[in-house]
Amino acid sequence: MLGIDLEEWSVRTASENAARNQLRHLARFVRGDGWNAPAVRRAAPYDLVFANILARPLCAMARRLAPRLAPGGTVILSGLLDNQERMVLAAHRAQHLLLGARIHEGRWTTLVLRKPRRAKAGD
């Protein structure tokens, strides 16, 4: 597993939590700018991507996410207010990702999307 964050303190906290839970050997955390980080680019394609960030950055990163998601891969987008769901979903559907599920809890929404195993004819 590869985890990434812009904030050094967040990377340090995630690493410490992995060690406390005896998962250090399974997880690596780095500081970086999302899909621009060299470690992230090198490790692609991904079977699973989990992003818990703000709606506008999620929309902006959709174009870089889709080609780095393995065919049949899943992306889980959380941290969205209900009124942001349509905007985030539209950005990812434009990249040919398919909605698998919506999870609502209070005012919050989580979207689960999948990349088709095969491209559609004409794509």
PDB file of N, CA and C in Angstrom:
ATOM      1  N   MET A   1       0.838  -1.160   0.000  1.00  0.00           N
ATOM      2  CA  MET A   1       0.000   0.000   0.000  1.00  0.00           C
ATOM      3  C   MET A   1       0.892   1.235   0.000  1.00  0.00           C
ATOM      4  N   LEU A   2       0.497   2.210  -0.771  1.00  0.00           N
ATOM      5  CA  LEU A   2       1.201   3.487  -0.825  1.00  0.00           C
ATOM      6  C   LEU A   2       0.237   4.583  -0.415  1.00  0.00           C
ATOM      7  N   GLY A   3       0.617   5.364   0.579  1.00  0.00           N
ATOM      8  CA  GLY A   3      -0.173   6.501   1.020  1.00  0.00           C
ATOM      9  C   GLY A   3       0.597   7.778   0.742  1.00  0.00           C
ATOM     10  N   ILE A   4      -0.124   8.821   0.383  1.00  0.00           N
ATOM     11  CA  ILE A   4       0.532  10.092   0.041  1.00  0.00           C
ATOM     12  C   ILE A   4      -0.249  11.251   0.627  1.00  0.00           C
ATOM     13  N   ASP A   5       0.484  12.285   1.026  1.00  0.00           N
ATOM     14  CA  ASP A   5      -0.152  13.489   1.536  1.00  0.00           C
ATOM     15  C   ASP A   5       0.792  14.665   1.315  1.00  0.00           C
ATOM     16  N   LEU A   6       0.220  15.853   1.205  1.00  0.00           N
ATOM     17  CA  LEU A   6       1.024  17.074   1.066  1.00  0.00           C
ATOM     18  C   LEU A   6       1.737  17.446   2.359  1.00  0.00           C
ATOM     19  N   GLU A   7       1.163  17.068   3.476  1.00  0.00           N
ATOM     20  CA  GLU A   7       1.660  17.487   4.787  1.00  0.00           C
ATOM     21  C   GLU A   7       2.590  16.439   5.397  1.00  0.00           C
ATOM     22  N   GLU A   8       3.777  16.879   5.787  1.00  0.00           N
ATOM     23  CA  GLU A   8       4.759  15.968   6.397  1.00  0.00           C
ATOM     24  C   GLU A   8       4.224  15.342   7.683  1.00  0.00           C
ATOM     25  N   TRP A   9       3.498  16.129   8.496  1.00  0.00           N
ATOM     26  CA  TRP A   9       2.971  15.602   9.750  1.00  0.00           C
ATOM     27  C   TRP A   9       1.969  14.478   9.501  1.00  0.00           C
ATOM     28  N   SER A  10       1.220  14.579   8.412  1.00  0.00           N
ATOM     29  CA  SER A  10       0.245  13.540   8.080  1.00  0.00           C
ATOM     30  C   SER A  10       0.953  12.244   7.677  1.00  0.00           C
ATOM     31  N   VAL A  11       2.016  12.372   6.894  1.00  0.00           N
ATOM     32  CA  VAL A  11       2.810  11.208   6.483  1.00  0.00           C
ATOM     33  C   VAL A  11       3.422  10.546   7.721  1.00  0.00           C
ATOM     34  N   ARG A  12       3.964  11.348   8.610  1.00  0.00           N
ATOM     35  CA  ARG A  12       4.581  10.824   9.835  1.00  0.00           C
ATOM     36  C   ARG A  12       3.540  10.106  10.706  1.00  0.00           C
ATOM     37  N   THR A  13       2.365  10.716  10.862  1.00  0.00           N
ATOM     38  CA  THR A  13       1.308  10.113  11.684  1.00  0.00           C
ATOM     39  C   THR A  13       0.845   8.790  11.083  1.00  0.00           C
ATOM     40  N   ALA A  14       0.659   8.742   9.767  1.00  0.00           N
ATOM     41  CA  ALA A  14       0.241   7.496   9.111  1.00  0.00           C
ATOM     42  C   ALA A  14       1.290   6.407   9.297  1.00  0.00           C
ATOM     43  N   SER A  15       2.564   6.764   9.170  1.00  0.00           N
ATOM     44  CA  SER A  15       3.651   5.792   9.364  1.00  0.00           C
ATOM     45  C   SER A  15       3.659   5.264  10.791  1.00  0.00           C
ATOM     46  N   GLU A  16       3.480   6.149  11.748  1.00  0.00           N
ATOM     47  CA  GLU A  16       3.445   5.740  13.155  1.00  0.00           C
ATOM     48  C   GLU A  16       2.256   4.819  13.427  1.00  0.00           C
ATOM     49  N   ASN A  17       1.109   5.132  12.852  1.00  0.00           N
ATOM     50  CA  ASN A  17      -0.073   4.286  13.045  1.00  0.00           C
ATOM     51  C   ASN A  17       0.122   2.910  12.415  1.00  0.00           C
ATOM     52  N   ALA A  18       0.754   2.858  11.258  1.00  0.00           N
ATOM     53  CA  ALA A  18       1.035   1.563  10.620  1.00  0.00           C
ATOM     54  C   ALA A  18       1.953   0.738  11.523  1.00  0.00           C
ATOM     55  N   ALA A  19       2.971   1.370  12.098  1.00  0.00           N
ATOM     56  CA  ALA A  19       3.887   0.660  12.988  1.00  0.00           C
ATOM     57  C   ALA A  19       3.157   0.152  14.234  1.00  0.00           C
ATOM     58  N   ARG A  20       2.313   0.996  14.822  1.00  0.00           N
ATOM     59  CA  ARG A  20       1.548   0.591  16.021  1.00  0.00           C
ATOM     60  C   ARG A  20       0.655  -0.614  15.745  1.00  0.00           C
ATOM     61  N   ASN A  21       0.160  -0.684  14.522  1.00  0.00           N
ATOM     62  CA  ASN A  21      -0.741  -1.778  14.152  1.00  0.00           C
ATOM     63  C   ASN A  21      -0.007  -2.935  13.474  1.00  0.00           C
ATOM     64  N   GLN A  22       1.309  -2.927  13.572  1.00  0.00           N
ATOM     65  CA  GLN A  22       2.167  -3.970  13.015  1.00  0.00           C
ATOM     66  C   GLN A  22       1.946  -4.166  11.521  1.00  0.00           C
ATOM     67  N   LEU A  23       1.773  -3.044  10.810  1.00  0.00           N
ATOM     68  CA  LEU A  23       1.540  -3.074   9.367  1.00  0.00           C
ATOM     69  C   LEU A  23       2.623  -2.332   8.587  1.00  0.00           C
ATOM     70  N   ARG A  24       3.690  -1.959   9.267  1.00  0.00           N
ATOM     71  CA  ARG A  24       4.745  -1.190   8.611  1.00  0.00           C
ATOM     72  C   ARG A  24       5.273  -1.898   7.361  1.00  0.00           C
ATOM     73  N   HIS A  25       5.352  -3.217   7.401  1.00  0.00           N
ATOM     74  CA  HIS A  25       5.869  -3.977   6.262  1.00  0.00           C
ATOM     75  C   HIS A  25       4.916  -3.972   5.059  1.00  0.00           C
ATOM     76  N   LEU A  26       3.676  -3.569   5.254  1.00  0.00           N
ATOM     77  CA  LEU A  26       2.689  -3.549   4.172  1.00  0.00           C
ATOM     78  C   LEU A  26       2.406  -2.151   3.630  1.00  0.00           C
ATOM     79  N   ALA A  27       2.852  -1.129   4.351  1.00  0.00           N
ATOM     80  CA  ALA A  27       2.466   0.235   3.997  1.00  0.00           C
ATOM     81  C   ALA A  27       3.686   1.143   3.894  1.00  0.00           C
ATOM     82  N   ARG A  28       3.625   2.020   2.912  1.00  0.00           N
ATOM     83  CA  ARG A  28       4.657   3.038   2.727  1.00  0.00           C
ATOM     84  C   ARG A  28       3.952   4.373   2.549  1.00  0.00           C
ATOM     85  N   PHE A  29       4.419   5.403   3.235  1.00  0.00           N
ATOM     86  CA  PHE A  29       3.809   6.721   3.175  1.00  0.00           C
ATOM     87  C   PHE A  29       4.851   7.732   2.731  1.00  0.00           C
ATOM     88  N   VAL A  30       4.470   8.588   1.791  1.00  0.00           N
ATOM     89  CA  VAL A  30       5.393   9.589   1.265  1.00  0.00           C
ATOM     90  C   VAL A  30       4.698  10.944   1.193  1.00  0.00           C
ATOM     91  N   ARG A  31       5.523  11.980   1.261  1.00  0.00           N
ATOM     92  CA  ARG A  31       5.018  13.335   1.072  1.00  0.00           C
ATOM     93  C   ARG A  31       5.074  13.627  -0.414  1.00  0.00           C
ATOM     94  N   GLY A  32       3.976  14.153  -0.943  1.00  0.00           N
ATOM     95  CA  GLY A  32       3.967  14.475  -2.359  1.00  0.00           C
ATOM     96  C   GLY A  32       2.663  15.107  -2.792  1.00  0.00           C
ATOM     97  N   ASP A  33       2.659  15.540  -4.027  1.00  0.00           N
ATOM     98  CA  ASP A  33       1.521  16.231  -4.626  1.00  0.00           C
ATOM     99  C   ASP A  33       0.729  15.275  -5.514  1.00  0.00           C
ATOM    100  N   GLY A  34       0.008  14.387  -4.892  1.00  0.00           N
ATOM    101  CA  GLY A  34      -0.889  13.484  -5.614  1.00  0.00           C
ATOM    102  C   GLY A  34      -0.234  12.747  -6.767  1.00  0.00           C
ATOM    103  N   TRP A  35      -0.868  12.796  -7.912  1.00  0.00           N
ATOM    104  CA  TRP A  35      -0.406  12.067  -9.095  1.00  0.00           C
ATOM    105  C   TRP A  35       0.901  12.610  -9.642  1.00  0.00           C
ATOM    106  N   ASN A  36       1.334  13.785  -9.197  1.00  0.00           N
ATOM    107  CA  ASN A  36       2.607  14.351  -9.644  1.00  0.00           C
ATOM    108  C   ASN A  36       3.803  13.746  -8.911  1.00  0.00           C
ATOM    109  N   ALA A  37       3.577  13.083  -7.796  1.00  0.00           N
ATOM    110  CA  ALA A  37       4.671  12.523  -7.005  1.00  0.00           C
ATOM    111  C   ALA A  37       5.323  11.351  -7.741  1.00  0.00           C
ATOM    112  N   PRO A  38       6.648  11.344  -7.844  1.00  0.00           N
ATOM    113  CA  PRO A  38       7.341  10.253  -8.545  1.00  0.00           C
ATOM    114  C   PRO A  38       6.993   8.862  -8.015  1.00  0.00           C
ATOM    115  N   ALA A  39       6.892   8.706  -6.692  1.00  0.00           N
ATOM    116  CA  ALA A  39       6.562   7.393  -6.121  1.00  0.00           C
ATOM    117  C   ALA A  39       5.192   6.918  -6.579  1.00  0.00           C
ATOM    118  N   VAL A  40       4.264   7.836  -6.729  1.00  0.00           N
ATOM    119  CA  VAL A  40       2.909   7.497  -7.157  1.00  0.00           C
ATOM    120  C   VAL A  40       2.908   7.095  -8.635  1.00  0.00           C
ATOM    121  N   ARG A  41       3.611   7.834  -9.451  1.00  0.00           N
ATOM    122  CA  ARG A  41       3.679   7.520 -10.888  1.00  0.00           C
ATOM    123  C   ARG A  41       4.341   6.162 -11.120  1.00  0.00           C
ATOM    124  N   ARG A  42       5.406   5.878 -10.378  1.00  0.00           N
ATOM    125  CA  ARG A  42       6.136   4.610 -10.564  1.00  0.00           C
ATOM    126  C   ARG A  42       5.314   3.391 -10.182  1.00  0.00           C
ATOM    127  N   ALA A  43       4.437   3.515  -9.197  1.00  0.00           N
ATOM    128  CA  ALA A  43       3.694   2.363  -8.685  1.00  0.00           C
ATOM    129  C   ALA A  43       2.422   2.039  -9.477  1.00  0.00           C
ATOM    130  N   ALA A  44       2.050   2.878 -10.427  1.00  0.00           N
ATOM    131  CA  ALA A  44       0.831   2.647 -11.209  1.00  0.00           C
ATOM    132  C   ALA A  44       1.027   1.442 -12.135  1.00  0.00           C
ATOM    133  N   PRO A  45      -0.033   0.769 -12.539  1.00  0.00           N
ATOM    134  CA  PRO A  45      -1.442   1.065 -12.271  1.00  0.00           C
ATOM    135  C   PRO A  45      -1.902   0.497 -10.923  1.00  0.00           C
ATOM    136  N   TYR A  46      -2.983   1.071 -10.422  1.00  0.00           N
ATOM    137  CA  TYR A  46      -3.514   0.720  -9.119  1.00  0.00           C
ATOM    138  C   TYR A  46      -4.821  -0.053  -9.259  1.00  0.00           C
ATOM    139  N   ASP A  47      -4.969  -1.069  -8.420  1.00  0.00           N
ATOM    140  CA  ASP A  47      -6.223  -1.820  -8.354  1.00  0.00           C
ATOM    141  C   ASP A  47      -7.244  -1.092  -7.489  1.00  0.00           C
ATOM    142  N   LEU A  48      -6.759  -0.348  -6.501  1.00  0.00           N
ATOM    143  CA  LEU A  48      -7.631   0.374  -5.586  1.00  0.00           C
ATOM    144  C   LEU A  48      -7.011   1.722  -5.258  1.00  0.00           C
ATOM    145  N   VAL A  49      -7.817   2.766  -5.378  1.00  0.00           N
ATOM    146  CA  VAL A  49      -7.405   4.114  -4.989  1.00  0.00           C
ATOM    147  C   VAL A  49      -8.461   4.627  -4.022  1.00  0.00           C
ATOM    148  N   PHE A  50      -8.003   5.154  -2.901  1.00  0.00           N
ATOM    149  CA  PHE A  50      -8.897   5.749  -1.917  1.00  0.00           C
ATOM    150  C   PHE A  50      -8.455   7.189  -1.737  1.00  0.00           C
ATOM    151  N   ALA A  51      -9.358   8.122  -1.952  1.00  0.00           N
ATOM    152  CA  ALA A  51      -9.032   9.541  -1.816  1.00  0.00           C
ATOM    153  C   ALA A  51     -10.049  10.208  -0.896  1.00  0.00           C
ATOM    154  N   ASN A  52      -9.554  10.776   0.172  1.00  0.00           N
ATOM    155  CA  ASN A  52     -10.386  11.485   1.137  1.00  0.00           C
ATOM    156  C   ASN A  52      -9.887  12.930   1.179  1.00  0.00           C
ATOM    157  N   ILE A  53     -10.248  13.677   0.143  1.00  0.00           N
ATOM    158  CA  ILE A  53      -9.831  15.071   0.032  1.00  0.00           C
ATOM    159  C   ILE A  53     -11.012  15.912  -0.423  1.00  0.00           C
ATOM    160  N   LEU A  54     -10.791  17.193  -0.610  1.00  0.00           N
ATOM    161  CA  LEU A  54     -11.854  18.117  -0.988  1.00  0.00           C
ATOM    162  C   LEU A  54     -12.364  17.863  -2.413  1.00  0.00           C
ATOM    163  N   ALA A  55     -13.586  18.275  -2.670  1.00  0.00           N
ATOM    164  CA  ALA A  55     -14.245  18.000  -3.944  1.00  0.00           C
ATOM    165  C   ALA A  55     -13.523  18.606  -5.149  1.00  0.00           C
ATOM    166  N   ARG A  56     -13.127  19.841  -5.074  1.00  0.00           N
ATOM    167  CA  ARG A  56     -12.481  20.478  -6.246  1.00  0.00           C
ATOM    168  C   ARG A  56     -11.157  19.816  -6.608  1.00  0.00           C
ATOM    169  N   PRO A  57     -10.282  19.495  -5.643  1.00  0.00           N
ATOM    170  CA  PRO A  57      -9.082  18.746  -6.018  1.00  0.00           C
ATOM    171  C   PRO A  57      -9.398  17.367  -6.608  1.00  0.00           C
ATOM    172  N   LEU A  58     -10.436  16.715  -6.112  1.00  0.00           N
ATOM    173  CA  LEU A  58     -10.826  15.426  -6.696  1.00  0.00           C
ATOM    174  C   LEU A  58     -11.207  15.592  -8.164  1.00  0.00           C
ATOM    175  N   CYS A  59     -11.967  16.626  -8.465  1.00  0.00           N
ATOM    176  CA  CYS A  59     -12.360  16.889  -9.857  1.00  0.00           C
ATOM    177  C   CYS A  59     -11.134  17.176 -10.713  1.00  0.00           C
ATOM    178  N   ALA A  60     -10.235  17.995 -10.196  1.00  0.00           N
ATOM    179  CA  ALA A  60      -9.043  18.365 -10.950  1.00  0.00           C
ATOM    180  C   ALA A  60      -8.135  17.166 -11.209  1.00  0.00           C
ATOM    181  N   MET A  61      -8.136  16.195 -10.324  1.00  0.00           N
ATOM    182  CA  MET A  61      -7.253  15.039 -10.462  1.00  0.00           C
ATOM    183  C   MET A  61      -7.868  13.890 -11.245  1.00  0.00           C
ATOM    184  N   ALA A  62      -9.133  13.986 -11.629  1.00  0.00           N
ATOM    185  CA  ALA A  62      -9.816  12.874 -12.310  1.00  0.00           C
ATOM    186  C   ALA A  62      -9.089  12.444 -13.583  1.00  0.00           C
ATOM    187  N   ARG A  63      -8.599  13.393 -14.367  1.00  0.00           N
ATOM    188  CA  ARG A  63      -7.896  13.059 -15.617  1.00  0.00           C
ATOM    189  C   ARG A  63      -6.607  12.296 -15.381  1.00  0.00           C
ATOM    190  N   ARG A  64      -5.949  12.569 -14.279  1.00  0.00           N
ATOM    191  CA  ARG A  64      -4.696  11.868 -13.976  1.00  0.00           C
ATOM    192  C   ARG A  64      -4.951  10.540 -13.283  1.00  0.00           C
ATOM    193  N   LEU A  65      -6.090  10.429 -12.626  1.00  0.00           N
ATOM    194  CA  LEU A  65      -6.447   9.180 -11.948  1.00  0.00           C
ATOM    195  C   LEU A  65      -6.783   8.084 -12.947  1.00  0.00           C
ATOM    196  N   ALA A  66      -7.665   8.363 -13.866  1.00  0.00           N
ATOM    197  CA  ALA A  66      -8.214   7.326 -14.746  1.00  0.00           C
ATOM    198  C   ALA A  66      -7.148   6.495 -15.457  1.00  0.00           C
ATOM    199  N   PRO A  67      -6.130   7.085 -16.085  1.00  0.00           N
ATOM    200  CA  PRO A  67      -5.144   6.249 -16.769  1.00  0.00           C
ATOM    201  C   PRO A  67      -4.247   5.453 -15.816  1.00  0.00           C
ATOM    202  N   ARG A  68      -4.226   5.822 -14.559  1.00  0.00           N
ATOM    203  CA  ARG A  68      -3.380   5.120 -13.589  1.00  0.00           C
ATOM    204  C   ARG A  68      -4.145   4.063 -12.797  1.00  0.00           C
ATOM    205  N   LEU A  69      -5.430   3.951 -13.061  1.00  0.00           N
ATOM    206  CA  LEU A  69      -6.261   2.926 -12.441  1.00  0.00           C
ATOM    207  C   LEU A  69      -6.269   1.705 -13.356  1.00  0.00           C
ATOM    208  N   ALA A  70      -5.983   0.557 -12.799  1.00  0.00           N
ATOM    209  CA  ALA A  70      -5.934  -0.675 -13.585  1.00  0.00           C
ATOM    210  C   ALA A  70      -7.325  -1.001 -14.140  1.00  0.00           C
ATOM    211  N   PRO A  71      -7.397  -1.681 -15.294  1.00  0.00           N
ATOM    212  CA  PRO A  71      -8.704  -2.141 -15.788  1.00  0.00           C
ATOM    213  C   PRO A  71      -9.390  -2.982 -14.706  1.00  0.00           C
ATOM    214  N   GLY A  72     -10.656  -2.670 -14.440  1.00  0.00           N
ATOM    215  CA  GLY A  72     -11.393  -3.340 -13.380  1.00  0.00           C
ATOM    216  C   GLY A  72     -11.112  -2.762 -12.008  1.00  0.00           C
ATOM    217  N   GLY A  73     -10.255  -1.738 -11.935  1.00  0.00           N
ATOM    218  CA  GLY A  73      -9.887  -1.127 -10.659  1.00  0.00           C
ATOM    219  C   GLY A  73     -11.011  -0.302 -10.057  1.00  0.00           C
ATOM    220  N   THR A  74     -10.892  -0.053  -8.775  1.00  0.00           N
ATOM    221  CA  THR A  74     -11.903   0.660  -8.004  1.00  0.00           C
ATOM    222  C   THR A  74     -11.301   1.915  -7.398  1.00  0.00           C
ATOM    223  N   VAL A  75     -12.088   2.976  -7.381  1.00  0.00           N
ATOM    224  CA  VAL A  75     -11.692   4.203  -6.690  1.00  0.00           C
ATOM    225  C   VAL A  75     -12.810   4.573  -5.714  1.00  0.00           C
ATOM    226  N   ILE A  76     -12.414   4.900  -4.497  1.00  0.00           N
ATOM    227  CA  ILE A  76     -13.346   5.306  -3.452  1.00  0.00           C
ATOM    228  C   ILE A  76     -13.047   6.767  -3.133  1.00  0.00           C
ATOM    229  N   LEU A  77     -14.034   7.617  -3.343  1.00  0.00           N
ATOM    230  CA  LEU A  77     -13.881   9.063  -3.133  1.00  0.00           C
ATOM    231  C   LEU A  77     -14.745   9.468  -1.953  1.00  0.00           C
ATOM    232  N   SER A  78     -14.104   9.961  -0.898  1.00  0.00           N
ATOM    233  CA  SER A  78     -14.867  10.349   0.289  1.00  0.00           C
ATOM    234  C   SER A  78     -14.494  11.764   0.711  1.00  0.00           C
ATOM    235  N   GLY A  79     -15.184  12.244   1.722  1.00  0.00           N
ATOM    236  CA  GLY A  79     -14.976  13.611   2.180  1.00  0.00           C
ATOM    237  C   GLY A  79     -15.829  14.601   1.408  1.00  0.00           C
ATOM    238  N   LEU A  80     -16.869  14.115   0.764  1.00  0.00           N
ATOM    239  CA  LEU A  80     -17.732  14.962  -0.068  1.00  0.00           C
ATOM    240  C   LEU A  80     -19.015  15.318   0.670  1.00  0.00           C
ATOM    241  N   LEU A  81     -19.399  16.569   0.594  1.00  0.00           N
ATOM    242  CA  LEU A  81     -20.732  16.944   1.048  1.00  0.00           C
ATOM    243  C   LEU A  81     -21.731  16.501  -0.013  1.00  0.00           C
ATOM    244  N   ASP A  82     -22.951  16.210   0.409  1.00  0.00           N
ATOM    245  CA  ASP A  82     -23.968  15.734  -0.530  1.00  0.00           C
ATOM    246  C   ASP A  82     -24.120  16.646  -1.742  1.00  0.00           C
ATOM    247  N   ASN A  83     -24.030  17.965  -1.540  1.00  0.00           N
ATOM    248  CA  ASN A  83     -24.226  18.885  -2.659  1.00  0.00           C
ATOM    249  C   ASN A  83     -23.022  18.948  -3.605  1.00  0.00           C
ATOM    250  N   GLN A  84     -21.942  18.249  -3.308  1.00  0.00           N
ATOM    251  CA  GLN A  84     -20.769  18.180  -4.183  1.00  0.00           C
ATOM    252  C   GLN A  84     -20.735  16.899  -5.018  1.00  0.00           C
ATOM    253  N   GLU A  85     -21.608  15.977  -4.708  1.00  0.00           N
ATOM    254  CA  GLU A  85     -21.607  14.665  -5.355  1.00  0.00           C
ATOM    255  C   GLU A  85     -21.703  14.757  -6.876  1.00  0.00           C
ATOM    256  N   ARG A  86     -22.648  15.533  -7.383  1.00  0.00           N
ATOM    257  CA  ARG A  86     -22.858  15.611  -8.838  1.00  0.00           C
ATOM    258  C   ARG A  86     -21.625  16.127  -9.564  1.00  0.00           C
ATOM    259  N   MET A  87     -20.979  17.140  -9.022  1.00  0.00           N
ATOM    260  CA  MET A  87     -19.794  17.722  -9.643  1.00  0.00           C
ATOM    261  C   MET A  87     -18.652  16.697  -9.705  1.00  0.00           C
ATOM    262  N   VAL A  88     -18.406  16.010  -8.602  1.00  0.00           N
ATOM    263  CA  VAL A  88     -17.318  15.030  -8.541  1.00  0.00           C
ATOM    264  C   VAL A  88     -17.639  13.829  -9.436  1.00  0.00           C
ATOM    265  N   LEU A  89     -18.858  13.382  -9.402  1.00  0.00           N
ATOM    266  CA  LEU A  89     -19.259  12.256 -10.242  1.00  0.00           C
ATOM    267  C   LEU A  89     -19.128  12.603 -11.725  1.00  0.00           C
ATOM    268  N   ALA A  90     -19.535  13.789 -12.117  1.00  0.00           N
ATOM    269  CA  ALA A  90     -19.430  14.202 -13.524  1.00  0.00           C
ATOM    270  C   ALA A  90     -17.979  14.218 -13.999  1.00  0.00           C
ATOM    271  N   ALA A  91     -17.073  14.714 -13.170  1.00  0.00           N
ATOM    272  CA  ALA A  91     -15.651  14.763 -13.548  1.00  0.00           C
ATOM    273  C   ALA A  91     -15.086  13.368 -13.778  1.00  0.00           C
ATOM    274  N   HIS A  92     -15.523  12.405 -12.991  1.00  0.00           N
ATOM    275  CA  HIS A  92     -15.003  11.043 -13.112  1.00  0.00           C
ATOM    276  C   HIS A  92     -15.716  10.251 -14.205  1.00  0.00           C
ATOM    277  N   ARG A  93     -16.990  10.519 -14.396  1.00  0.00           N
ATOM    278  CA  ARG A  93     -17.695   9.874 -15.515  1.00  0.00           C
ATOM    279  C   ARG A  93     -17.122  10.342 -16.849  1.00  0.00           C
ATOM    280  N   ALA A  94     -16.678  11.591 -16.923  1.00  0.00           N
ATOM    281  CA  ALA A  94     -16.057  12.109 -18.144  1.00  0.00           C
ATOM    282  C   ALA A  94     -14.788  11.327 -18.482  1.00  0.00           C
ATOM    283  N   GLN A  95     -14.223  10.646 -17.491  1.00  0.00           N
ATOM    284  CA  GLN A  95     -13.033   9.824 -17.699  1.00  0.00           C
ATOM    285  C   GLN A  95     -13.406   8.339 -17.851  1.00  0.00           C
ATOM    286  N   HIS A  96     -14.677   8.084 -18.116  1.00  0.00           N
ATOM    287  CA  HIS A  96     -15.204   6.736 -18.380  1.00  0.00           C
ATOM    288  C   HIS A  96     -15.186   5.824 -17.157  1.00  0.00           C
ATOM    289  N   LEU A  97     -15.224   6.406 -15.968  1.00  0.00           N
ATOM    290  CA  LEU A  97     -15.345   5.614 -14.756  1.00  0.00           C
ATOM    291  C   LEU A  97     -16.829   5.443 -14.455  1.00  0.00           C
ATOM    292  N   LEU A  98     -17.185   4.264 -13.982  1.00  0.00           N
ATOM    293  CA  LEU A  98     -18.585   3.908 -13.760  1.00  0.00           C
ATOM    294  C   LEU A  98     -18.927   3.919 -12.272  1.00  0.00           C
ATOM    295  N   LEU A  99     -20.089   4.454 -11.959  1.00  0.00           N
ATOM    296  CA  LEU A  99     -20.540   4.487 -10.571  1.00  0.00           C
ATOM    297  C   LEU A  99     -20.928   3.082 -10.126  1.00  0.00           C
ATOM    298  N   GLY A 100     -20.318   2.620  -9.046  1.00  0.00           N
ATOM    299  CA  GLY A 100     -20.654   1.318  -8.476  1.00  0.00           C
ATOM    300  C   GLY A 100     -21.581   1.457  -7.284  1.00  0.00           C
ATOM    301  N   ALA A 101     -21.350   2.491  -6.472  1.00  0.00           N
ATOM    302  CA  ALA A 101     -22.177   2.686  -5.271  1.00  0.00           C
ATOM    303  C   ALA A 101     -22.028   4.107  -4.755  1.00  0.00           C
ATOM    304  N   ARG A 102     -23.068   4.528  -4.049  1.00  0.00           N
ATOM    305  CA  ARG A 102     -23.068   5.782  -3.302  1.00  0.00           C
ATOM    306  C   ARG A 102     -23.360   5.418  -1.859  1.00  0.00           C
ATOM    307  N   ILE A 103     -22.630   6.022  -0.970  1.00  0.00           N
ATOM    308  CA  ILE A 103     -22.871   5.794   0.453  1.00  0.00           C
ATOM    309  C   ILE A 103     -23.132   7.154   1.084  1.00  0.00           C
ATOM    310  N   HIS A 104     -24.300   7.285   1.708  1.00  0.00           N
ATOM    311  CA  HIS A 104     -24.662   8.550   2.356  1.00  0.00           C
ATOM    312  C   HIS A 104     -24.651   8.361   3.860  1.00  0.00           C
ATOM    313  N   GLU A 105     -24.051   9.310   4.548  1.00  0.00           N
ATOM    314  CA  GLU A 105     -24.082   9.313   5.998  1.00  0.00           C
ATOM    315  C   GLU A 105     -24.211  10.758   6.452  1.00  0.00           C
ATOM    316  N   GLY A 106     -25.368  11.084   6.966  1.00  0.00           N
ATOM    317  CA  GLY A 106     -25.626  12.475   7.325  1.00  0.00           C
ATOM    318  C   GLY A 106     -25.530  13.334   6.075  1.00  0.00           C
ATOM    319  N   ARG A 107     -24.734  14.402   6.129  1.00  0.00           N
ATOM    320  CA  ARG A 107     -24.560  15.304   4.975  1.00  0.00           C
ATOM    321  C   ARG A 107     -23.435  14.849   4.046  1.00  0.00           C
ATOM    322  N   TRP A 108     -22.812  13.721   4.355  1.00  0.00           N
ATOM    323  CA  TRP A 108     -21.626  13.270   3.637  1.00  0.00           C
ATOM    324  C   TRP A 108     -21.934  12.165   2.632  1.00  0.00           C
ATOM    325  N   THR A 109     -21.168  12.153   1.547  1.00  0.00           N
ATOM    326  CA  THR A 109     -21.315  11.134   0.503  1.00  0.00           C
ATOM    327  C   THR A 109     -19.955  10.526   0.199  1.00  0.00           C
ATOM    328  N   THR A 110     -19.958   9.236  -0.030  1.00  0.00           N
ATOM    329  CA  THR A 110     -18.795   8.515  -0.549  1.00  0.00           C
ATOM    330  C   THR A 110     -19.218   7.901  -1.875  1.00  0.00           C
ATOM    331  N   LEU A 111     -18.368   8.053  -2.891  1.00  0.00           N
ATOM    332  CA  LEU A 111     -18.626   7.466  -4.201  1.00  0.00           C
ATOM    333  C   LEU A 111     -17.654   6.322  -4.443  1.00  0.00           C
ATOM    334  N   VAL A 112     -18.171   5.217  -4.946  1.00  0.00           N
ATOM    335  CA  VAL A 112     -17.349   4.072  -5.326  1.00  0.00           C
ATOM    336  C   VAL A 112     -17.488   3.925  -6.838  1.00  0.00           C
ATOM    337  N   LEU A 113     -16.374   4.075  -7.536  1.00  0.00           N
ATOM    338  CA  LEU A 113     -16.367   4.021  -9.000  1.00  0.00           C
ATOM    339  C   LEU A 113     -15.444   2.912  -9.474  1.00  0.00           C
ATOM    340  N   ARG A 114     -15.712   2.433 -10.690  1.00  0.00           N
ATOM    341  CA  ARG A 114     -14.887   1.376 -11.258  1.00  0.00           C
ATOM    342  C   ARG A 114     -14.481   1.725 -12.681  1.00  0.00           C
ATOM    343  N   LYS A 115     -13.302   1.269 -13.032  1.00  0.00           N
ATOM    344  CA  LYS A 115     -12.849   1.398 -14.408  1.00  0.00           C
ATOM    345  C   LYS A 115     -13.239   0.113 -15.131  1.00  0.00           C
ATOM    346  N   PRO A 116     -13.886   0.230 -16.287  1.00  0.00           N
ATOM    347  CA  PRO A 116     -14.253  -0.994 -17.011  1.00  0.00           C
ATOM    348  C   PRO A 116     -13.021  -1.848 -17.307  1.00  0.00           C
ATOM    349  N   ARG A 117     -13.218  -3.135 -17.375  1.00  0.00           N
ATOM    350  CA  ARG A 117     -12.111  -4.049 -17.692  1.00  0.00           C
ATOM    351  C   ARG A 117     -11.628  -3.848 -19.119  1.00  0.00           C
ATOM    352  N   ARG A 118     -12.512  -3.492 -20.000  1.00  0.00           N
ATOM    353  CA  ARG A 118     -12.175  -3.251 -21.406  1.00  0.00           C
ATOM    354  C   ARG A 118     -12.733  -1.920 -21.833  1.00  0.00           C
ATOM    355  N   ALA A 119     -12.024  -1.260 -22.725  1.00  0.00           N
ATOM    356  CA  ALA A 119     -12.533  -0.013 -23.295  1.00  0.00           C
ATOM    357  C   ALA A 119     -13.699  -0.326 -24.222  1.00  0.00           C
ATOM    358  N   LYS A 120     -14.663   0.586 -24.297  1.00  0.00           N
ATOM    359  CA  LYS A 120     -15.792   0.432 -25.199  1.00  0.00           C
ATOM    360  C   LYS A 120     -15.319   0.595 -26.640  1.00  0.00           C
ATOM    361  N   ALA A 121     -16.017  -0.026 -27.551  1.00  0.00           N
ATOM    362  CA  ALA A 121     -15.690   0.133 -28.978  1.00  0.00           C
ATOM    363  C   ALA A 121     -15.764   1.601 -29.322  1.00  0.00           C
ATOM    364  N   GLY A 122     -14.772   2.103 -30.057  1.00  0.00           N
ATOM    365  CA  GLY A 122     -14.757   3.494 -30.443  1.00  0.00           C
ATOM    366  C   GLY A 122     -14.026   4.390 -29.469  1.00  0.00           C
ATOM    367  N   ASP A 123     -13.620   3.867 -28.300  1.00  0.00           N
ATOM    368  CA  ASP A 123     -12.864   4.659 -27.311  1.00  0.00           C
ATOM    369  C   ASP A 123     -11.392   4.601 -27.619  1.00  0.00           C
TER     370      ASP A 123
END
